[in-house]
Amino acid sequence: MTQLPNCPQCNSEYTYEDGDHFVCPECAHEWPQAAVADVEQARVVHDAHGNVLQDGDTVVVIKDLKVKGSSSVVKVGTKVKNIRLADGDHDIDCKIDGFGAMGLKSEFVKKA
């Protein structure tokens, strides 16, 4: 089963399909399915300075970042090579030497 998008007006998760439209039962908002496809294709990830990031780019960490579940910290200036863009809260999937696989938010990196 495919995941239906949340309502763009009230963010309700109970949307349903009606022909070629999505409908929200909570606020009665309707929108075309084609609009959802356009938004997914147009997703662009920017770094802290507004530069567009792409898969395979090299970025530099601009702030000390605490590693969740550990007492260690990713230091300012750490270079991260060959990033992969991902959906979700953390925009970037990567491997950092000494830490392993990790998810980063694009707002804490700049393009190298």
N, C-alpha and C. Protein backbone atom coordinates (compact mmCIF):
# COMPACT_ATOMS: atom_id res chain seq x y z
N MET A 1 0.84 -1.18 0.00
CA MET A 1 0.00 0.00 0.00
C MET A 1 0.88 1.24 0.00
N THR A 2 0.55 2.20 -0.85
CA THR A 2 1.34 3.42 -0.92
C THR A 2 0.93 4.39 0.19
N GLN A 3 1.88 5.17 0.62
CA GLN A 3 1.64 6.15 1.68
C GLN A 3 1.02 7.39 1.06
N LEU A 4 -0.15 7.78 1.55
CA LEU A 4 -0.81 8.98 1.06
C LEU A 4 -0.24 10.20 1.78
N PRO A 5 -0.16 11.35 1.10
CA PRO A 5 0.40 12.54 1.74
C PRO A 5 -0.54 13.12 2.79
N ASN A 6 0.03 13.82 3.76
CA ASN A 6 -0.78 14.54 4.73
C ASN A 6 -1.43 15.74 4.07
N CYS A 7 -2.51 16.22 4.65
CA CYS A 7 -3.22 17.38 4.12
C CYS A 7 -2.31 18.61 4.19
N PRO A 8 -2.18 19.37 3.09
CA PRO A 8 -1.32 20.55 3.11
C PRO A 8 -1.87 21.70 3.95
N GLN A 9 -3.18 21.67 4.27
CA GLN A 9 -3.76 22.76 5.06
C GLN A 9 -3.72 22.48 6.56
N CYS A 10 -4.18 21.28 6.97
CA CYS A 10 -4.28 21.00 8.41
C CYS A 10 -3.32 19.91 8.86
N ASN A 11 -2.55 19.34 7.93
CA ASN A 11 -1.56 18.30 8.22
C ASN A 11 -2.19 17.01 8.75
N SER A 12 -3.43 16.76 8.44
CA SER A 12 -4.11 15.53 8.85
C SER A 12 -3.55 14.33 8.10
N GLU A 13 -3.40 13.22 8.78
CA GLU A 13 -2.87 12.01 8.15
C GLU A 13 -3.98 11.13 7.58
N TYR A 14 -5.23 11.54 7.70
CA TYR A 14 -6.36 10.71 7.29
C TYR A 14 -6.89 11.06 5.90
N THR A 15 -6.01 11.40 4.98
CA THR A 15 -6.43 11.73 3.62
C THR A 15 -6.81 10.48 2.85
N TYR A 16 -7.59 10.67 1.81
CA TYR A 16 -7.95 9.55 0.94
C TYR A 16 -8.04 10.02 -0.51
N GLU A 17 -8.02 9.05 -1.42
CA GLU A 17 -8.08 9.35 -2.85
C GLU A 17 -9.52 9.40 -3.31
N ASP A 18 -9.83 10.34 -4.18
CA ASP A 18 -11.15 10.43 -4.80
C ASP A 18 -10.92 10.78 -6.26
N GLY A 19 -10.87 9.75 -7.10
CA GLY A 19 -10.58 9.95 -8.52
C GLY A 19 -9.13 10.39 -8.68
N ASP A 20 -8.92 11.57 -9.27
CA ASP A 20 -7.55 12.07 -9.45
C ASP A 20 -7.21 13.17 -8.44
N HIS A 21 -7.92 13.19 -7.30
CA HIS A 21 -7.68 14.16 -6.24
C HIS A 21 -7.46 13.45 -4.91
N PHE A 22 -6.82 14.16 -3.98
CA PHE A 22 -6.76 13.74 -2.59
C PHE A 22 -7.76 14.60 -1.82
N VAL A 23 -8.37 14.01 -0.78
CA VAL A 23 -9.36 14.72 0.02
C VAL A 23 -9.03 14.54 1.50
N CYS A 24 -9.18 15.62 2.27
CA CYS A 24 -8.99 15.57 3.71
C CYS A 24 -10.36 15.55 4.37
N PRO A 25 -10.68 14.50 5.15
CA PRO A 25 -11.99 14.43 5.80
C PRO A 25 -12.14 15.39 6.98
N GLU A 26 -11.04 15.91 7.50
CA GLU A 26 -11.13 16.79 8.67
C GLU A 26 -11.41 18.24 8.30
N CYS A 27 -10.77 18.75 7.24
CA CYS A 27 -10.99 20.15 6.86
C CYS A 27 -11.65 20.30 5.49
N ALA A 28 -11.92 19.16 4.82
CA ALA A 28 -12.59 19.11 3.51
C ALA A 28 -11.76 19.74 2.39
N HIS A 29 -10.47 19.86 2.57
CA HIS A 29 -9.59 20.40 1.52
C HIS A 29 -9.36 19.33 0.45
N GLU A 30 -9.41 19.73 -0.83
CA GLU A 30 -9.13 18.83 -1.95
C GLU A 30 -7.98 19.40 -2.76
N TRP A 31 -7.10 18.51 -3.26
CA TRP A 31 -6.00 18.94 -4.10
C TRP A 31 -5.66 17.83 -5.08
N PRO A 32 -5.17 18.19 -6.29
CA PRO A 32 -4.89 17.19 -7.32
C PRO A 32 -3.66 16.34 -6.99
N GLN A 33 -3.69 15.09 -7.42
CA GLN A 33 -2.56 14.19 -7.18
C GLN A 33 -1.32 14.65 -7.92
N ALA A 34 -1.48 15.31 -9.06
CA ALA A 34 -0.34 15.78 -9.84
C ALA A 34 0.47 16.80 -9.05
N ALA A 35 -0.17 17.58 -8.20
CA ALA A 35 0.55 18.58 -7.39
C ALA A 35 1.51 17.90 -6.42
N VAL A 36 1.15 16.75 -5.90
CA VAL A 36 2.02 16.02 -4.97
C VAL A 36 3.25 15.51 -5.70
N ALA A 37 3.09 15.00 -6.92
CA ALA A 37 4.22 14.50 -7.70
C ALA A 37 5.19 15.63 -8.02
N ASP A 38 4.67 16.83 -8.32
CA ASP A 38 5.53 17.97 -8.62
C ASP A 38 6.35 18.39 -7.40
N VAL A 39 5.75 18.37 -6.22
CA VAL A 39 6.45 18.75 -4.99
C VAL A 39 7.56 17.76 -4.69
N GLU A 40 7.32 16.46 -4.87
CA GLU A 40 8.33 15.45 -4.57
C GLU A 40 9.52 15.56 -5.53
N GLN A 41 9.26 15.88 -6.78
CA GLN A 41 10.35 16.01 -7.74
C GLN A 41 11.14 17.30 -7.53
N ALA A 42 10.50 18.33 -6.99
CA ALA A 42 11.13 19.63 -6.84
C ALA A 42 11.86 19.77 -5.50
N ARG A 43 11.99 18.71 -4.72
CA ARG A 43 12.64 18.80 -3.42
C ARG A 43 14.12 19.13 -3.61
N VAL A 44 14.53 20.23 -3.02
CA VAL A 44 15.91 20.68 -3.12
C VAL A 44 16.44 20.89 -1.71
N VAL A 45 17.65 20.41 -1.45
CA VAL A 45 18.27 20.55 -0.14
C VAL A 45 19.37 21.60 -0.22
N HIS A 46 19.33 22.56 0.72
CA HIS A 46 20.31 23.64 0.77
C HIS A 46 21.16 23.50 2.02
N ASP A 47 22.41 23.97 1.93
CA ASP A 47 23.27 23.99 3.11
C ASP A 47 22.99 25.25 3.93
N ALA A 48 23.79 25.51 4.94
CA ALA A 48 23.58 26.65 5.83
C ALA A 48 23.71 27.99 5.11
N HIS A 49 24.44 28.03 4.00
CA HIS A 49 24.65 29.28 3.26
C HIS A 49 23.77 29.38 2.01
N GLY A 50 22.86 28.43 1.82
CA GLY A 50 21.93 28.48 0.69
C GLY A 50 22.40 27.79 -0.56
N ASN A 51 23.56 27.14 -0.54
CA ASN A 51 24.04 26.40 -1.72
C ASN A 51 23.26 25.11 -1.86
N VAL A 52 22.96 24.73 -3.09
CA VAL A 52 22.21 23.50 -3.36
C VAL A 52 23.14 22.30 -3.19
N LEU A 53 22.68 21.30 -2.42
CA LEU A 53 23.45 20.08 -2.21
C LEU A 53 22.93 18.97 -3.10
N GLN A 54 23.85 18.09 -3.54
CA GLN A 54 23.49 16.95 -4.37
C GLN A 54 24.19 15.71 -3.83
N ASP A 55 23.71 14.53 -4.24
CA ASP A 55 24.36 13.28 -3.85
C ASP A 55 25.81 13.30 -4.31
N GLY A 56 26.72 12.84 -3.44
CA GLY A 56 28.13 12.76 -3.79
C GLY A 56 28.94 13.98 -3.42
N ASP A 57 28.29 15.05 -2.97
CA ASP A 57 29.01 16.26 -2.59
C ASP A 57 29.86 16.04 -1.34
N THR A 58 30.80 16.94 -1.12
CA THR A 58 31.59 16.98 0.10
C THR A 58 31.15 18.21 0.89
N VAL A 59 30.90 18.03 2.19
CA VAL A 59 30.47 19.13 3.04
C VAL A 59 31.36 19.23 4.27
N VAL A 60 31.31 20.37 4.94
CA VAL A 60 32.08 20.62 6.15
C VAL A 60 31.10 21.00 7.27
N VAL A 61 31.27 20.41 8.44
CA VAL A 61 30.41 20.69 9.60
C VAL A 61 30.76 22.09 10.13
N ILE A 62 29.73 22.93 10.39
CA ILE A 62 29.98 24.31 10.81
C ILE A 62 29.70 24.53 12.29
N LYS A 63 29.33 23.48 13.02
CA LYS A 63 29.00 23.60 14.44
C LYS A 63 29.33 22.29 15.13
N ASP A 64 29.81 22.34 16.37
CA ASP A 64 30.00 21.10 17.13
C ASP A 64 28.66 20.41 17.28
N LEU A 65 28.59 19.13 16.92
CA LEU A 65 27.34 18.37 16.98
C LEU A 65 27.49 17.21 17.95
N LYS A 66 26.62 17.15 18.93
CA LYS A 66 26.62 16.03 19.86
C LYS A 66 26.09 14.80 19.14
N VAL A 67 26.71 13.65 19.40
CA VAL A 67 26.27 12.40 18.80
C VAL A 67 25.29 11.75 19.76
N LYS A 68 24.08 11.54 19.29
CA LYS A 68 23.04 10.98 20.14
C LYS A 68 23.42 9.57 20.59
N GLY A 69 23.29 9.31 21.90
CA GLY A 69 23.62 8.00 22.44
C GLY A 69 25.09 7.81 22.73
N SER A 70 25.84 8.88 22.67
CA SER A 70 27.28 8.81 22.89
C SER A 70 27.74 10.09 23.58
N SER A 71 28.90 10.04 24.18
CA SER A 71 29.44 11.25 24.80
C SER A 71 30.38 12.00 23.86
N SER A 72 30.55 11.50 22.65
CA SER A 72 31.46 12.13 21.70
C SER A 72 30.77 13.25 20.92
N VAL A 73 31.60 14.07 20.24
CA VAL A 73 31.12 15.24 19.50
C VAL A 73 31.78 15.26 18.13
N VAL A 74 31.00 15.59 17.10
CA VAL A 74 31.56 15.84 15.77
C VAL A 74 31.99 17.29 15.76
N LYS A 75 33.28 17.53 15.60
CA LYS A 75 33.87 18.87 15.74
C LYS A 75 33.63 19.75 14.51
N VAL A 76 33.68 21.04 14.74
CA VAL A 76 33.61 22.03 13.66
C VAL A 76 34.76 21.77 12.69
N GLY A 77 34.49 21.86 11.41
CA GLY A 77 35.52 21.68 10.40
C GLY A 77 35.69 20.25 9.92
N THR A 78 34.92 19.31 10.49
CA THR A 78 35.00 17.92 10.04
C THR A 78 34.49 17.83 8.61
N LYS A 79 35.29 17.27 7.73
CA LYS A 79 34.92 17.13 6.32
C LYS A 79 34.21 15.80 6.12
N VAL A 80 33.06 15.85 5.47
CA VAL A 80 32.26 14.66 5.20
C VAL A 80 32.17 14.50 3.69
N LYS A 81 32.70 13.38 3.18
CA LYS A 81 32.73 13.14 1.73
C LYS A 81 31.60 12.23 1.31
N ASN A 82 31.18 12.37 0.06
CA ASN A 82 30.23 11.47 -0.59
C ASN A 82 28.92 11.34 0.17
N ILE A 83 28.23 12.47 0.36
CA ILE A 83 26.96 12.45 1.08
C ILE A 83 25.85 11.90 0.20
N ARG A 84 24.78 11.44 0.84
CA ARG A 84 23.56 11.01 0.15
C ARG A 84 22.40 11.79 0.73
N LEU A 85 21.57 12.37 -0.12
CA LEU A 85 20.40 13.11 0.35
C LEU A 85 19.30 12.13 0.70
N ALA A 86 18.59 12.42 1.79
CA ALA A 86 17.55 11.52 2.29
C ALA A 86 16.32 12.33 2.66
N ASP A 87 15.19 11.64 2.71
CA ASP A 87 13.95 12.26 3.17
C ASP A 87 13.89 12.16 4.69
N GLY A 88 13.18 13.07 5.29
CA GLY A 88 13.01 13.01 6.73
C GLY A 88 13.62 14.21 7.43
N ASP A 89 13.72 14.10 8.75
CA ASP A 89 14.21 15.19 9.58
C ASP A 89 15.68 15.48 9.30
N HIS A 90 16.48 14.44 9.11
CA HIS A 90 17.89 14.60 8.80
C HIS A 90 18.05 14.42 7.29
N ASP A 91 18.47 15.49 6.61
CA ASP A 91 18.51 15.53 5.14
C ASP A 91 19.65 14.72 4.54
N ILE A 92 20.71 14.47 5.31
CA ILE A 92 21.94 13.91 4.76
C ILE A 92 22.29 12.60 5.46
N ASP A 93 22.52 11.56 4.68
CA ASP A 93 23.07 10.30 5.19
C ASP A 93 24.53 10.26 4.77
N CYS A 94 25.40 9.87 5.71
CA CYS A 94 26.83 9.87 5.40
C CYS A 94 27.58 8.95 6.35
N LYS A 95 28.87 8.78 6.07
CA LYS A 95 29.78 8.08 6.98
C LYS A 95 30.85 9.08 7.38
N ILE A 96 31.08 9.18 8.69
CA ILE A 96 32.09 10.08 9.21
C ILE A 96 33.19 9.23 9.83
N ASP A 97 34.44 9.49 9.44
CA ASP A 97 35.57 8.74 9.99
C ASP A 97 35.58 8.87 11.51
N GLY A 98 35.68 7.73 12.19
CA GLY A 98 35.70 7.71 13.64
C GLY A 98 34.34 7.62 14.28
N PHE A 99 33.26 7.81 13.50
CA PHE A 99 31.90 7.75 14.04
C PHE A 99 31.03 6.72 13.34
N GLY A 100 31.24 6.51 12.04
CA GLY A 100 30.44 5.57 11.28
C GLY A 100 29.27 6.25 10.57
N ALA A 101 28.25 5.46 10.25
CA ALA A 101 27.09 5.96 9.53
C ALA A 101 26.31 6.93 10.42
N MET A 102 25.83 8.01 9.80
CA MET A 102 25.18 9.05 10.58
C MET A 102 24.24 9.86 9.71
N GLY A 103 23.23 10.44 10.31
CA GLY A 103 22.33 11.37 9.63
C GLY A 103 22.62 12.78 10.10
N LEU A 104 22.72 13.73 9.18
CA LEU A 104 22.99 15.13 9.52
C LEU A 104 21.88 16.01 8.97
N LYS A 105 21.67 17.13 9.62
CA LYS A 105 20.75 18.14 9.10
C LYS A 105 21.56 19.10 8.23
N SER A 106 20.98 19.47 7.10
CA SER A 106 21.70 20.32 6.15
C SER A 106 21.98 21.71 6.71
N GLU A 107 21.26 22.15 7.71
CA GLU A 107 21.48 23.48 8.27
C GLU A 107 22.78 23.59 9.07
N PHE A 108 23.43 22.45 9.36
CA PHE A 108 24.67 22.46 10.13
C PHE A 108 25.91 22.13 9.29
N VAL A 109 25.77 22.20 7.96
CA VAL A 109 26.91 21.93 7.09
C VAL A 109 27.00 23.01 6.02
N LYS A 110 28.20 23.14 5.44
CA LYS A 110 28.37 24.00 4.26
C LYS A 110 29.08 23.19 3.19
N LYS A 111 28.78 23.52 1.96
CA LYS A 111 29.39 22.82 0.83
C LYS A 111 30.87 23.15 0.74
N ALA A 112 31.68 22.12 0.56
CA ALA A 112 33.15 22.33 0.51
C ALA A 112 33.59 22.72 -0.88
